[in-house]
Amino acid sequence: MSDVFLSYASEDRERAGRLATALGHMGWSVWWDRKIIAGQAFDQAIERELETARCVVVLWSVNSIASEWVKNEAAAASERGVLVPALIDNVKLPLEFRRKQAADLLGWQGNELHPGFQALCQGVAHAMGGAAPAPRPRLVVHPATSRRRWAVPALAALAVALGAGLYGLGSWRSTPATTPAVVAVAPAPASAQAPVKPPALQPPAAKQPGAPAPTPADMPGLADLVVGTYRGDVIADSKGPSRSDIEVTITRIDRATVRVSSDYRRIEAVEVNLTRNGNQIFAADGSSPFIVDLDRSPPTLVFDPRSELAYRGTRTP
């Protein structure tokens, strides 16, 4: 059973796909006729989804007002009390549907903050008996954050330059007592980027000769929370049909970076830098929606590479 059944005329397929993707970003599962599997009887598949969907969004256009299919689907949704109409062309609705206010999506190009789209989301939520979710946050990294990877090596290099004489002495114990501040900030030779504690906190007896110092990349992080194999569906694709039973694999690169790949050729392998908001792990740069919801059991994945397709999956054991 889907949250939203999308009814539209075939001539409006591109605009319907744009809306299906946007509704998916809001966290709803969307069914439209591109999800019909090859070999299925399309009329039976449509009827089954139409009767079980929690909400039916009908796109009224110059094409759909003349479509018997669309009008029949709208009538069935109206009988169930789950009809949410939307105008994508400036047209006069069929007589039997004029009493219901339609969301204004005239000229809408996919902006999830558009007033008409927000009104549509309110209607969908009302039809399903709940409040409309807030748009999925598209997190933007502050410029200072985006330069962090360059700043850390630069500071480390400066510290190395200041403490070059100290390294030549072989160990912190040979450092003169007049230079403790330099010793405290100098990075350990094992990693120029590793955070360093004052030598006084590392008694010689506790050291293990030959054991490499741990680095941030070795420590548990956000990546460890999301790695695994996810199985689900491509619910919308701007360049092809929907697909079921698609596997997406997330592997760890470092504690805050993962590699996302798939057995489906339309989902190309990409690296994703991670950030966190509560129990949701996001793509830090916001270029492509990537959300792992840890509140779900098992965790769920929303992944829309380049915003060209929409994937929804669940992590497998």
C-alpha atoms as a PDB file:
ATOM      1  CA  MET A   1       0.000   0.000   0.000  1.00  0.00           C
ATOM      2  CA  SER A   2       1.352   3.418  -0.988  1.00  0.00           C
ATOM      3  CA  ASP A   3       0.841   6.713   0.804  1.00  0.00           C
ATOM      4  CA  VAL A   4       0.051   8.600  -2.396  1.00  0.00           C
ATOM      5  CA  PHE A   5      -1.499   7.427  -5.682  1.00  0.00           C
ATOM      6  CA  LEU A   6      -0.686   9.903  -8.469  1.00  0.00           C
ATOM      7  CA  SER A   7      -3.314  10.260 -11.214  1.00  0.00           C
ATOM      8  CA  TYR A   8      -2.402  12.178 -14.383  1.00  0.00           C
ATOM      9  CA  ALA A   9      -2.696  12.160 -18.164  1.00  0.00           C
ATOM     10  CA  SER A  10       0.117  10.414 -20.026  1.00  0.00           C
ATOM     11  CA  GLU A  11       0.960  13.658 -21.844  1.00  0.00           C
ATOM     12  CA  ASP A  12       1.887  15.156 -18.463  1.00  0.00           C
ATOM     13  CA  ARG A  13       4.309  12.387 -17.514  1.00  0.00           C
ATOM     14  CA  GLU A  14       7.304  14.698 -17.032  1.00  0.00           C
ATOM     15  CA  ARG A  15       5.448  17.019 -14.664  1.00  0.00           C
ATOM     16  CA  ALA A  16       3.996  14.030 -12.816  1.00  0.00           C
ATOM     17  CA  GLY A  17       7.479  12.607 -12.332  1.00  0.00           C
ATOM     18  CA  ARG A  18       8.695  15.904 -10.902  1.00  0.00           C
ATOM     19  CA  LEU A  19       5.858  15.874  -8.380  1.00  0.00           C
ATOM     20  CA  ALA A  20       6.393  12.199  -7.504  1.00  0.00           C
ATOM     21  CA  THR A  21      10.035  12.961  -6.688  1.00  0.00           C
ATOM     22  CA  ALA A  22       9.140  15.992  -4.553  1.00  0.00           C
ATOM     23  CA  LEU A  23       6.502  14.074  -2.587  1.00  0.00           C
ATOM     24  CA  GLY A  24       9.051  11.328  -2.055  1.00  0.00           C
ATOM     25  CA  HIS A  25      11.424  13.920  -0.585  1.00  0.00           C
ATOM     26  CA  MET A  26       8.736  14.701   1.973  1.00  0.00           C
ATOM     27  CA  GLY A  27       8.933  11.093   3.181  1.00  0.00           C
ATOM     28  CA  TRP A  28       5.809   9.689   1.487  1.00  0.00           C
ATOM     29  CA  SER A  29       5.769   6.606  -0.721  1.00  0.00           C
ATOM     30  CA  VAL A  30       4.308   7.479  -4.130  1.00  0.00           C
ATOM     31  CA  TRP A  31       2.729   5.124  -6.670  1.00  0.00           C
ATOM     32  CA  TRP A  32       2.196   6.082 -10.296  1.00  0.00           C
ATOM     33  CA  ASP A  33       1.822   3.947 -13.397  1.00  0.00           C
ATOM     34  CA  ARG A  34       5.569   3.865 -14.019  1.00  0.00           C
ATOM     35  CA  LYS A  35       5.739   1.381 -11.154  1.00  0.00           C
ATOM     36  CA  ILE A  36       3.774  -1.232 -13.082  1.00  0.00           C
ATOM     37  CA  ILE A  37       6.044  -4.232 -13.538  1.00  0.00           C
ATOM     38  CA  ALA A  38       6.422  -5.634 -17.039  1.00  0.00           C
ATOM     39  CA  GLY A  39       3.881  -8.410 -17.576  1.00  0.00           C
ATOM     40  CA  GLN A  40       1.367  -7.080 -15.056  1.00  0.00           C
ATOM     41  CA  ALA A  41      -2.187  -6.323 -16.174  1.00  0.00           C
ATOM     42  CA  PHE A  42      -2.044  -2.545 -15.911  1.00  0.00           C
ATOM     43  CA  ASP A  43      -5.757  -2.079 -15.187  1.00  0.00           C
ATOM     44  CA  GLN A  44      -5.648  -4.549 -12.290  1.00  0.00           C
ATOM     45  CA  ALA A  45      -2.474  -2.993 -10.892  1.00  0.00           C
ATOM     46  CA  ILE A  46      -3.957   0.502 -11.080  1.00  0.00           C
ATOM     47  CA  GLU A  47      -7.240  -0.564  -9.494  1.00  0.00           C
ATOM     48  CA  ARG A  48      -5.471  -2.323  -6.638  1.00  0.00           C
ATOM     49  CA  GLU A  49      -3.276   0.676  -5.848  1.00  0.00           C
ATOM     50  CA  LEU A  50      -6.152   3.126  -6.279  1.00  0.00           C
ATOM     51  CA  GLU A  51      -8.255   1.237  -3.735  1.00  0.00           C
ATOM     52  CA  THR A  52      -5.502   0.926  -1.120  1.00  0.00           C
ATOM     53  CA  ALA A  53      -3.617   4.245  -1.357  1.00  0.00           C
ATOM     54  CA  ARG A  54      -4.029   6.490   1.663  1.00  0.00           C
ATOM     55  CA  CYS A  55      -4.400   9.528  -0.581  1.00  0.00           C
ATOM     56  CA  VAL A  56      -5.009  10.165  -4.307  1.00  0.00           C
ATOM     57  CA  VAL A  57      -3.469  13.260  -5.917  1.00  0.00           C
ATOM     58  CA  VAL A  58      -5.065  14.140  -9.266  1.00  0.00           C
ATOM     59  CA  LEU A  59      -3.220  16.492 -11.633  1.00  0.00           C
ATOM     60  CA  TRP A  60      -5.730  18.533 -13.628  1.00  0.00           C
ATOM     61  CA  SER A  61      -4.459  19.817 -16.967  1.00  0.00           C
ATOM     62  CA  VAL A  62      -5.700  20.482 -20.489  1.00  0.00           C
ATOM     63  CA  ASN A  63      -5.016  16.800 -21.113  1.00  0.00           C
ATOM     64  CA  SER A  64      -6.432  15.203 -17.973  1.00  0.00           C
ATOM     65  CA  ILE A  65      -9.811  17.003 -18.002  1.00  0.00           C
ATOM     66  CA  ALA A  66     -10.508  15.092 -21.231  1.00  0.00           C
ATOM     67  CA  SER A  67      -9.211  11.755 -19.906  1.00  0.00           C
ATOM     68  CA  GLU A  68     -11.835   9.234 -18.821  1.00  0.00           C
ATOM     69  CA  TRP A  69      -9.149   7.324 -16.926  1.00  0.00           C
ATOM     70  CA  VAL A  70      -8.235  10.338 -14.811  1.00  0.00           C
ATOM     71  CA  LYS A  71     -11.857  11.297 -14.168  1.00  0.00           C
ATOM     72  CA  ASN A  72     -12.704   7.736 -13.124  1.00  0.00           C
ATOM     73  CA  GLU A  73      -9.729   7.636 -10.747  1.00  0.00           C
ATOM     74  CA  ALA A  74     -10.727  11.012  -9.299  1.00  0.00           C
ATOM     75  CA  ALA A  75     -14.310   9.794  -8.787  1.00  0.00           C
ATOM     76  CA  ALA A  76     -13.115   6.655  -6.991  1.00  0.00           C
ATOM     77  CA  ALA A  77     -10.874   8.743  -4.729  1.00  0.00           C
ATOM     78  CA  SER A  78     -13.695  11.189  -4.019  1.00  0.00           C
ATOM     79  CA  GLU A  79     -15.968   8.338  -2.932  1.00  0.00           C
ATOM     80  CA  ARG A  80     -13.332   7.208  -0.441  1.00  0.00           C
ATOM     81  CA  GLY A  81     -12.749  10.768   0.794  1.00  0.00           C
ATOM     82  CA  VAL A  82      -9.044  10.759  -0.112  1.00  0.00           C
ATOM     83  CA  LEU A  83      -9.054  13.014  -3.197  1.00  0.00           C
ATOM     84  CA  VAL A  84      -6.495  15.865  -3.293  1.00  0.00           C
ATOM     85  CA  PRO A  85      -6.676  17.793  -6.603  1.00  0.00           C
ATOM     86  CA  ALA A  86      -3.935  19.984  -8.052  1.00  0.00           C
ATOM     87  CA  LEU A  87      -3.957  22.353 -11.038  1.00  0.00           C
ATOM     88  CA  ILE A  88      -0.947  22.159 -13.346  1.00  0.00           C
ATOM     89  CA  ASP A  89      -2.710  24.056 -16.176  1.00  0.00           C
ATOM     90  CA  ASN A  90      -5.183  26.915 -15.943  1.00  0.00           C
ATOM     91  CA  VAL A  91      -8.280  24.867 -16.789  1.00  0.00           C
ATOM     92  CA  LYS A  92     -11.881  24.524 -15.670  1.00  0.00           C
ATOM     93  CA  LEU A  93     -12.335  21.344 -13.679  1.00  0.00           C
ATOM     94  CA  PRO A  94     -14.992  18.793 -14.616  1.00  0.00           C
ATOM     95  CA  LEU A  95     -18.293  19.753 -12.991  1.00  0.00           C
ATOM     96  CA  GLU A  96     -18.342  16.975 -10.398  1.00  0.00           C
ATOM     97  CA  PHE A  97     -14.945  18.027  -8.999  1.00  0.00           C
ATOM     98  CA  ARG A  98     -15.343  21.807  -8.767  1.00  0.00           C
ATOM     99  CA  ARG A  99     -16.488  21.840  -5.147  1.00  0.00           C
ATOM    100  CA  LYS A 100     -13.076  20.765  -3.869  1.00  0.00           C
ATOM    101  CA  GLN A 101     -10.274  23.328  -3.617  1.00  0.00           C
ATOM    102  CA  ALA A 102      -7.289  22.456  -5.831  1.00  0.00           C
ATOM    103  CA  ALA A 103      -3.662  23.225  -5.024  1.00  0.00           C
ATOM    104  CA  ASP A 104      -2.176  25.742  -7.466  1.00  0.00           C
ATOM    105  CA  LEU A 105       0.876  24.216  -9.166  1.00  0.00           C
ATOM    106  CA  LEU A 106       0.769  26.445 -12.254  1.00  0.00           C
ATOM    107  CA  GLY A 107       4.352  26.907 -13.435  1.00  0.00           C
ATOM    108  CA  TRP A 108       5.749  24.835 -10.558  1.00  0.00           C
ATOM    109  CA  GLN A 109       9.272  23.568 -11.308  1.00  0.00           C
ATOM    110  CA  GLY A 110       9.973  21.401  -8.275  1.00  0.00           C
ATOM    111  CA  ASN A 111      10.601  23.955  -5.514  1.00  0.00           C
ATOM    112  CA  GLU A 112       9.494  22.260  -2.292  1.00  0.00           C
ATOM    113  CA  LEU A 113       8.955  25.643  -0.587  1.00  0.00           C
ATOM    114  CA  HIS A 114       6.528  26.804  -3.295  1.00  0.00           C
ATOM    115  CA  PRO A 115       3.205  27.875  -1.668  1.00  0.00           C
ATOM    116  CA  GLY A 116       1.206  25.661  -4.023  1.00  0.00           C
ATOM    117  CA  PHE A 117       3.326  22.623  -3.223  1.00  0.00           C
ATOM    118  CA  GLN A 118       3.069  23.345   0.493  1.00  0.00           C
ATOM    119  CA  ALA A 119      -0.729  23.593   0.143  1.00  0.00           C
ATOM    120  CA  LEU A 120      -0.738  20.251  -1.660  1.00  0.00           C
ATOM    121  CA  CYS A 121       1.301  18.671   1.152  1.00  0.00           C
ATOM    122  CA  GLN A 122      -1.180  20.010   3.696  1.00  0.00           C
ATOM    123  CA  GLY A 123      -3.990  18.424   1.688  1.00  0.00           C
ATOM    124  CA  VAL A 124      -2.182  15.096   1.460  1.00  0.00           C
ATOM    125  CA  ALA A 125      -1.483  15.078   5.194  1.00  0.00           C
ATOM    126  CA  HIS A 126      -5.109  15.973   5.974  1.00  0.00           C
ATOM    127  CA  ALA A 127      -6.394  13.163   3.735  1.00  0.00           C
ATOM    128  CA  MET A 128      -4.169  10.727   5.623  1.00  0.00           C
ATOM    129  CA  GLY A 129      -5.221  12.109   8.997  1.00  0.00           C
ATOM    130  CA  GLY A 130      -1.946  13.701  10.066  1.00  0.00           C
ATOM    131  CA  ALA A 131       0.126  16.857   9.940  1.00  0.00           C
ATOM    132  CA  ALA A 132       2.188  17.698   6.883  1.00  0.00           C
ATOM    133  CA  PRO A 133       5.861  16.881   7.384  1.00  0.00           C
ATOM    134  CA  ALA A 134       8.428  19.640   7.051  1.00  0.00           C
ATOM    135  CA  PRO A 135      10.497  19.537   3.855  1.00  0.00           C
ATOM    136  CA  ARG A 136      13.544  17.327   4.192  1.00  0.00           C
ATOM    137  CA  PRO A 137      16.379  19.681   5.209  1.00  0.00           C
ATOM    138  CA  ARG A 138      18.933  20.346   2.484  1.00  0.00           C
ATOM    139  CA  LEU A 139      21.883  21.016   4.721  1.00  0.00           C
ATOM    140  CA  VAL A 140      24.393  23.561   3.443  1.00  0.00           C
ATOM    141  CA  VAL A 141      27.881  23.485   4.867  1.00  0.00           C
ATOM    142  CA  HIS A 142      29.150  26.818   6.229  1.00  0.00           C
ATOM    143  CA  PRO A 143      32.194  28.037   4.269  1.00  0.00           C
ATOM    144  CA  ALA A 144      34.364  27.712   7.367  1.00  0.00           C
ATOM    145  CA  THR A 145      33.343  24.067   7.685  1.00  0.00           C
ATOM    146  CA  SER A 146      34.005  23.307   4.033  1.00  0.00           C
ATOM    147  CA  ARG A 147      37.588  24.583   4.444  1.00  0.00           C
ATOM    148  CA  ARG A 148      38.205  22.533   7.574  1.00  0.00           C
ATOM    149  CA  ARG A 149      40.034  19.762   5.743  1.00  0.00           C
ATOM    150  CA  TRP A 150      42.525  22.307   4.413  1.00  0.00           C
ATOM    151  CA  ALA A 151      42.796  24.278   7.656  1.00  0.00           C
ATOM    152  CA  VAL A 152      43.763  21.281   9.792  1.00  0.00           C
ATOM    153  CA  PRO A 153      46.762  20.242   7.632  1.00  0.00           C
ATOM    154  CA  ALA A 154      47.858  23.901   7.399  1.00  0.00           C
ATOM    155  CA  LEU A 155      47.809  24.359  11.177  1.00  0.00           C
ATOM    156  CA  ALA A 156      49.522  21.026  11.620  1.00  0.00           C
ATOM    157  CA  ALA A 157      52.239  22.068   9.151  1.00  0.00           C
ATOM    158  CA  LEU A 158      52.764  25.320  11.055  1.00  0.00           C
ATOM    159  CA  ALA A 159      53.051  23.417  14.325  1.00  0.00           C
ATOM    160  CA  VAL A 160      55.540  21.036  12.718  1.00  0.00           C
ATOM    161  CA  ALA A 161      57.622  23.963  11.497  1.00  0.00           C
ATOM    162  CA  LEU A 162      57.634  25.562  14.945  1.00  0.00           C
ATOM    163  CA  GLY A 163      58.535  22.293  16.598  1.00  0.00           C
ATOM    164  CA  ALA A 164      61.023  21.001  14.011  1.00  0.00           C
ATOM    165  CA  GLY A 165      63.883  21.334  16.442  1.00  0.00           C
ATOM    166  CA  LEU A 166      61.964  19.329  18.993  1.00  0.00           C
ATOM    167  CA  TYR A 167      61.435  16.392  16.611  1.00  0.00           C
ATOM    168  CA  GLY A 168      65.166  16.220  16.051  1.00  0.00           C
ATOM    169  CA  LEU A 169      65.645  15.541  19.725  1.00  0.00           C
ATOM    170  CA  GLY A 170      63.765  12.247  19.450  1.00  0.00           C
ATOM    171  CA  SER A 171      61.142  12.430  22.206  1.00  0.00           C
ATOM    172  CA  TRP A 172      59.169  14.838  24.382  1.00  0.00           C
ATOM    173  CA  ARG A 173      61.281  13.993  27.408  1.00  0.00           C
ATOM    174  CA  SER A 174      64.280  15.664  25.808  1.00  0.00           C
ATOM    175  CA  THR A 175      62.342  18.906  25.282  1.00  0.00           C
ATOM    176  CA  PRO A 176      63.659  21.776  27.448  1.00  0.00           C
ATOM    177  CA  ALA A 177      61.346  22.798  30.275  1.00  0.00           C
ATOM    178  CA  THR A 178      61.168  26.299  28.776  1.00  0.00           C
ATOM    179  CA  THR A 179      59.153  25.128  25.755  1.00  0.00           C
ATOM    180  CA  PRO A 180      56.161  23.169  27.109  1.00  0.00           C
ATOM    181  CA  ALA A 181      53.594  25.123  25.062  1.00  0.00           C
ATOM    182  CA  VAL A 182      55.195  24.066  21.780  1.00  0.00           C
ATOM    183  CA  VAL A 183      55.265  20.427  22.817  1.00  0.00           C
ATOM    184  CA  ALA A 184      51.596  20.511  23.814  1.00  0.00           C
ATOM    185  CA  VAL A 185      50.350  21.640  20.393  1.00  0.00           C
ATOM    186  CA  ALA A 186      52.725  19.702  18.148  1.00  0.00           C
ATOM    187  CA  PRO A 187      50.987  16.767  16.383  1.00  0.00           C
ATOM    188  CA  ALA A 188      52.247  13.257  16.983  1.00  0.00           C
ATOM    189  CA  PRO A 189      54.524  11.983  14.181  1.00  0.00           C
ATOM    190  CA  ALA A 190      52.101   9.075  13.534  1.00  0.00           C
ATOM    191  CA  SER A 191      49.558  11.400  11.946  1.00  0.00           C
ATOM    192  CA  ALA A 192      49.795  15.096  11.102  1.00  0.00           C
ATOM    193  CA  GLN A 193      46.059  15.429  11.567  1.00  0.00           C
ATOM    194  CA  ALA A 194      45.596  13.411  14.779  1.00  0.00           C
ATOM    195  CA  PRO A 195      44.544  15.342  17.906  1.00  0.00           C
ATOM    196  CA  VAL A 196      47.425  15.342  20.389  1.00  0.00           C
ATOM    197  CA  LYS A 197      47.219  15.214  24.149  1.00  0.00           C
ATOM    198  CA  PRO A 198      49.923  16.747  26.341  1.00  0.00           C
ATOM    199  CA  PRO A 199      52.758  14.283  26.917  1.00  0.00           C
ATOM    200  CA  ALA A 200      52.185  14.456  30.672  1.00  0.00           C
ATOM    201  CA  LEU A 201      48.958  12.543  30.136  1.00  0.00           C
ATOM    202  CA  GLN A 202      50.813   9.710  28.376  1.00  0.00           C
ATOM    203  CA  PRO A 203      53.167   8.111  30.945  1.00  0.00           C
ATOM    204  CA  PRO A 204      55.985   6.152  29.344  1.00  0.00           C
ATOM    205  CA  ALA A 205      54.839   2.978  31.129  1.00  0.00           C
ATOM    206  CA  ALA A 206      51.496   3.093  29.297  1.00  0.00           C
ATOM    207  CA  LYS A 207      53.051   3.253  25.825  1.00  0.00           C
ATOM    208  CA  GLN A 208      53.327   0.104  23.748  1.00  0.00           C
ATOM    209  CA  PRO A 209      56.320   0.221  21.419  1.00  0.00           C
ATOM    210  CA  GLY A 210      55.387  -0.440  17.826  1.00  0.00           C
ATOM    211  CA  ALA A 211      51.635   0.159  18.278  1.00  0.00           C
ATOM    212  CA  PRO A 212      50.367   2.800  15.804  1.00  0.00           C
ATOM    213  CA  ALA A 213      48.607   5.796  17.286  1.00  0.00           C
ATOM    214  CA  PRO A 214      44.851   5.811  16.541  1.00  0.00           C
ATOM    215  CA  THR A 215      43.691   8.442  14.078  1.00  0.00           C
ATOM    216  CA  PRO A 216      40.217   9.969  13.602  1.00  0.00           C
ATOM    217  CA  ALA A 217      39.741   7.888  10.470  1.00  0.00           C
ATOM    218  CA  ASP A 218      40.076   4.713  12.568  1.00  0.00           C
ATOM    219  CA  MET A 219      37.568   5.759  15.224  1.00  0.00           C
ATOM    220  CA  PRO A 220      33.853   4.919  15.059  1.00  0.00           C
ATOM    221  CA  GLY A 221      31.796   7.664  13.445  1.00  0.00           C
ATOM    222  CA  LEU A 222      28.721   8.474  11.401  1.00  0.00           C
ATOM    223  CA  ALA A 223      29.787   6.113   8.631  1.00  0.00           C
ATOM    224  CA  ASP A 224      29.585   3.128  10.970  1.00  0.00           C
ATOM    225  CA  LEU A 225      25.937   3.930  11.685  1.00  0.00           C
ATOM    226  CA  VAL A 226      24.841   3.700   8.045  1.00  0.00           C
ATOM    227  CA  VAL A 227      27.047   1.063   6.398  1.00  0.00           C
ATOM    228  CA  GLY A 228      25.278  -1.997   5.061  1.00  0.00           C
ATOM    229  CA  THR A 229      23.124  -3.281   2.229  1.00  0.00           C
ATOM    230  CA  TYR A 230      19.740  -1.704   1.551  1.00  0.00           C
ATOM    231  CA  ARG A 231      16.994  -3.227  -0.571  1.00  0.00           C
ATOM    232  CA  GLY A 232      14.115  -1.225  -2.008  1.00  0.00           C
ATOM    233  CA  ASP A 233      12.628   0.472  -5.057  1.00  0.00           C
ATOM    234  CA  VAL A 234      13.354   3.255  -7.495  1.00  0.00           C
ATOM    235  CA  ILE A 235       9.963   4.939  -7.113  1.00  0.00           C
ATOM    236  CA  ALA A 236      10.563   7.664  -9.712  1.00  0.00           C
ATOM    237  CA  ASP A 237      13.076   8.202 -12.504  1.00  0.00           C
ATOM    238  CA  SER A 238      13.202  11.199 -14.832  1.00  0.00           C
ATOM    239  CA  LYS A 239      14.932   9.138 -17.540  1.00  0.00           C
ATOM    240  CA  GLY A 240      13.345   5.720 -17.256  1.00  0.00           C
ATOM    241  CA  PRO A 241      10.778   3.473 -15.606  1.00  0.00           C
ATOM    242  CA  SER A 242      10.510   2.698 -11.927  1.00  0.00           C
ATOM    243  CA  ARG A 243      12.293  -0.417 -10.677  1.00  0.00           C
ATOM    244  CA  SER A 244      11.637  -2.826  -7.817  1.00  0.00           C
ATOM    245  CA  ASP A 245      14.012  -4.923  -5.704  1.00  0.00           C
ATOM    246  CA  ILE A 246      17.054  -2.664  -6.164  1.00  0.00           C
ATOM    247  CA  GLU A 247      20.067  -3.183  -3.916  1.00  0.00           C
ATOM    248  CA  VAL A 248      22.168  -0.250  -2.682  1.00  0.00           C
ATOM    249  CA  THR A 249      25.388  -0.817  -0.729  1.00  0.00           C
ATOM    250  CA  ILE A 250      26.979   1.717   1.624  1.00  0.00           C
ATOM    251  CA  THR A 251      30.637   1.140   2.550  1.00  0.00           C
ATOM    252  CA  ARG A 252      32.902   3.077   4.900  1.00  0.00           C
ATOM    253  CA  ILE A 253      35.688   5.305   3.600  1.00  0.00           C
ATOM    254  CA  ASP A 254      36.408   7.101   6.857  1.00  0.00           C
ATOM    255  CA  ARG A 255      34.416   7.963   9.964  1.00  0.00           C
ATOM    256  CA  ALA A 256      32.393  10.682   8.179  1.00  0.00           C
ATOM    257  CA  THR A 257      32.510   9.556   4.540  1.00  0.00           C
ATOM    258  CA  VAL A 258      30.878   6.608   2.769  1.00  0.00           C
ATOM    259  CA  ARG A 259      30.715   5.191  -0.725  1.00  0.00           C
ATOM    260  CA  VAL A 260      27.239   4.497  -2.132  1.00  0.00           C
ATOM    261  CA  SER A 261      26.943   1.989  -4.993  1.00  0.00           C
ATOM    262  CA  SER A 262      24.242  -0.188  -6.522  1.00  0.00           C
ATOM    263  CA  ASP A 263      23.577  -3.142  -8.780  1.00  0.00           C
ATOM    264  CA  TYR A 264      21.294  -0.837 -10.808  1.00  0.00           C
ATOM    265  CA  ARG A 265      23.201   1.016 -13.528  1.00  0.00           C
ATOM    266  CA  ARG A 266      21.182   4.238 -13.125  1.00  0.00           C
ATOM    267  CA  ILE A 267      22.576   4.628  -9.597  1.00  0.00           C
ATOM    268  CA  GLU A 268      26.246   5.456 -10.110  1.00  0.00           C
ATOM    269  CA  ALA A 269      28.789   5.055  -7.320  1.00  0.00           C
ATOM    270  CA  VAL A 270      29.348   8.256  -5.347  1.00  0.00           C
ATOM    271  CA  GLU A 271      31.132   9.352  -2.186  1.00  0.00           C
ATOM    272  CA  VAL A 272      28.991  11.086   0.437  1.00  0.00           C
ATOM    273  CA  ASN A 273      30.247  13.251   3.305  1.00  0.00           C
ATOM    274  CA  LEU A 274      27.963  12.843   6.309  1.00  0.00           C
ATOM    275  CA  THR A 275      26.460  15.023   8.991  1.00  0.00           C
ATOM    276  CA  ARG A 276      23.821  14.377  11.610  1.00  0.00           C
ATOM    277  CA  ASN A 277      20.543  15.858  12.841  1.00  0.00           C
ATOM    278  CA  GLY A 278      19.151  13.839  15.730  1.00  0.00           C
ATOM    279  CA  ASN A 279      18.780  10.244  14.547  1.00  0.00           C
ATOM    280  CA  GLN A 280      18.921  11.136  10.860  1.00  0.00           C
ATOM    281  CA  ILE A 281      22.191  11.012   8.932  1.00  0.00           C
ATOM    282  CA  PHE A 282      22.392  13.412   5.962  1.00  0.00           C
ATOM    283  CA  ALA A 283      24.666  14.303   3.071  1.00  0.00           C
ATOM    284  CA  ALA A 284      26.648  17.269   4.394  1.00  0.00           C
ATOM    285  CA  ASP A 285      26.799  19.196   1.114  1.00  0.00           C
ATOM    286  CA  GLY A 286      23.088  18.827   0.293  1.00  0.00           C
ATOM    287  CA  SER A 287      23.808  18.287  -3.428  1.00  0.00           C
ATOM    288  CA  SER A 288      21.774  15.061  -3.581  1.00  0.00           C
ATOM    289  CA  PRO A 289      19.247  13.985  -0.955  1.00  0.00           C
ATOM    290  CA  PHE A 290      20.772  11.206   1.175  1.00  0.00           C
ATOM    291  CA  ILE A 291      18.970  10.392   4.428  1.00  0.00           C
ATOM    292  CA  VAL A 292      19.340   7.363   6.690  1.00  0.00           C
ATOM    293  CA  ASP A 293      16.643   7.337   9.364  1.00  0.00           C
ATOM    294  CA  LEU A 294      17.943   5.557  12.454  1.00  0.00           C
ATOM    295  CA  ASP A 295      14.590   5.927  14.206  1.00  0.00           C
ATOM    296  CA  ARG A 296      13.258   3.210  11.911  1.00  0.00           C
ATOM    297  CA  SER A 297      13.971  -0.421  12.689  1.00  0.00           C
ATOM    298  CA  PRO A 298      15.653  -1.487  10.538  1.00  0.00           C
ATOM    299  CA  PRO A 299      17.006   1.886   9.306  1.00  0.00           C
ATOM    300  CA  THR A 300      15.625   3.268   6.037  1.00  0.00           C
ATOM    301  CA  LEU A 301      17.438   5.017   3.203  1.00  0.00           C
ATOM    302  CA  VAL A 302      16.255   7.906   1.030  1.00  0.00           C
ATOM    303  CA  PHE A 303      18.702   8.458  -1.841  1.00  0.00           C
ATOM    304  CA  ASP A 304      18.032  10.681  -4.857  1.00  0.00           C
ATOM    305  CA  PRO A 305      21.292  10.908  -6.831  1.00  0.00           C
ATOM    306  CA  ARG A 306      21.490  14.215  -8.704  1.00  0.00           C
ATOM    307  CA  SER A 307      17.716  14.516  -8.081  1.00  0.00           C
ATOM    308  CA  GLU A 308      17.179  12.472 -11.274  1.00  0.00           C
ATOM    309  CA  LEU A 309      15.603   9.484  -9.544  1.00  0.00           C
ATOM    310  CA  ALA A 310      14.161   8.627  -6.154  1.00  0.00           C
ATOM    311  CA  TYR A 311      15.260   5.495  -4.270  1.00  0.00           C
ATOM    312  CA  ARG A 312      13.699   4.213  -1.043  1.00  0.00           C
ATOM    313  CA  GLY A 313      15.182   1.195   0.725  1.00  0.00           C
ATOM    314  CA  THR A 314      15.486  -0.661   4.034  1.00  0.00           C
ATOM    315  CA  ARG A 315      18.713  -2.060   5.483  1.00  0.00           C
ATOM    316  CA  THR A 316      18.900  -5.838   5.357  1.00  0.00           C
ATOM    317  CA  PRO A 317      20.107  -7.885   8.354  1.00  0.00           C
END
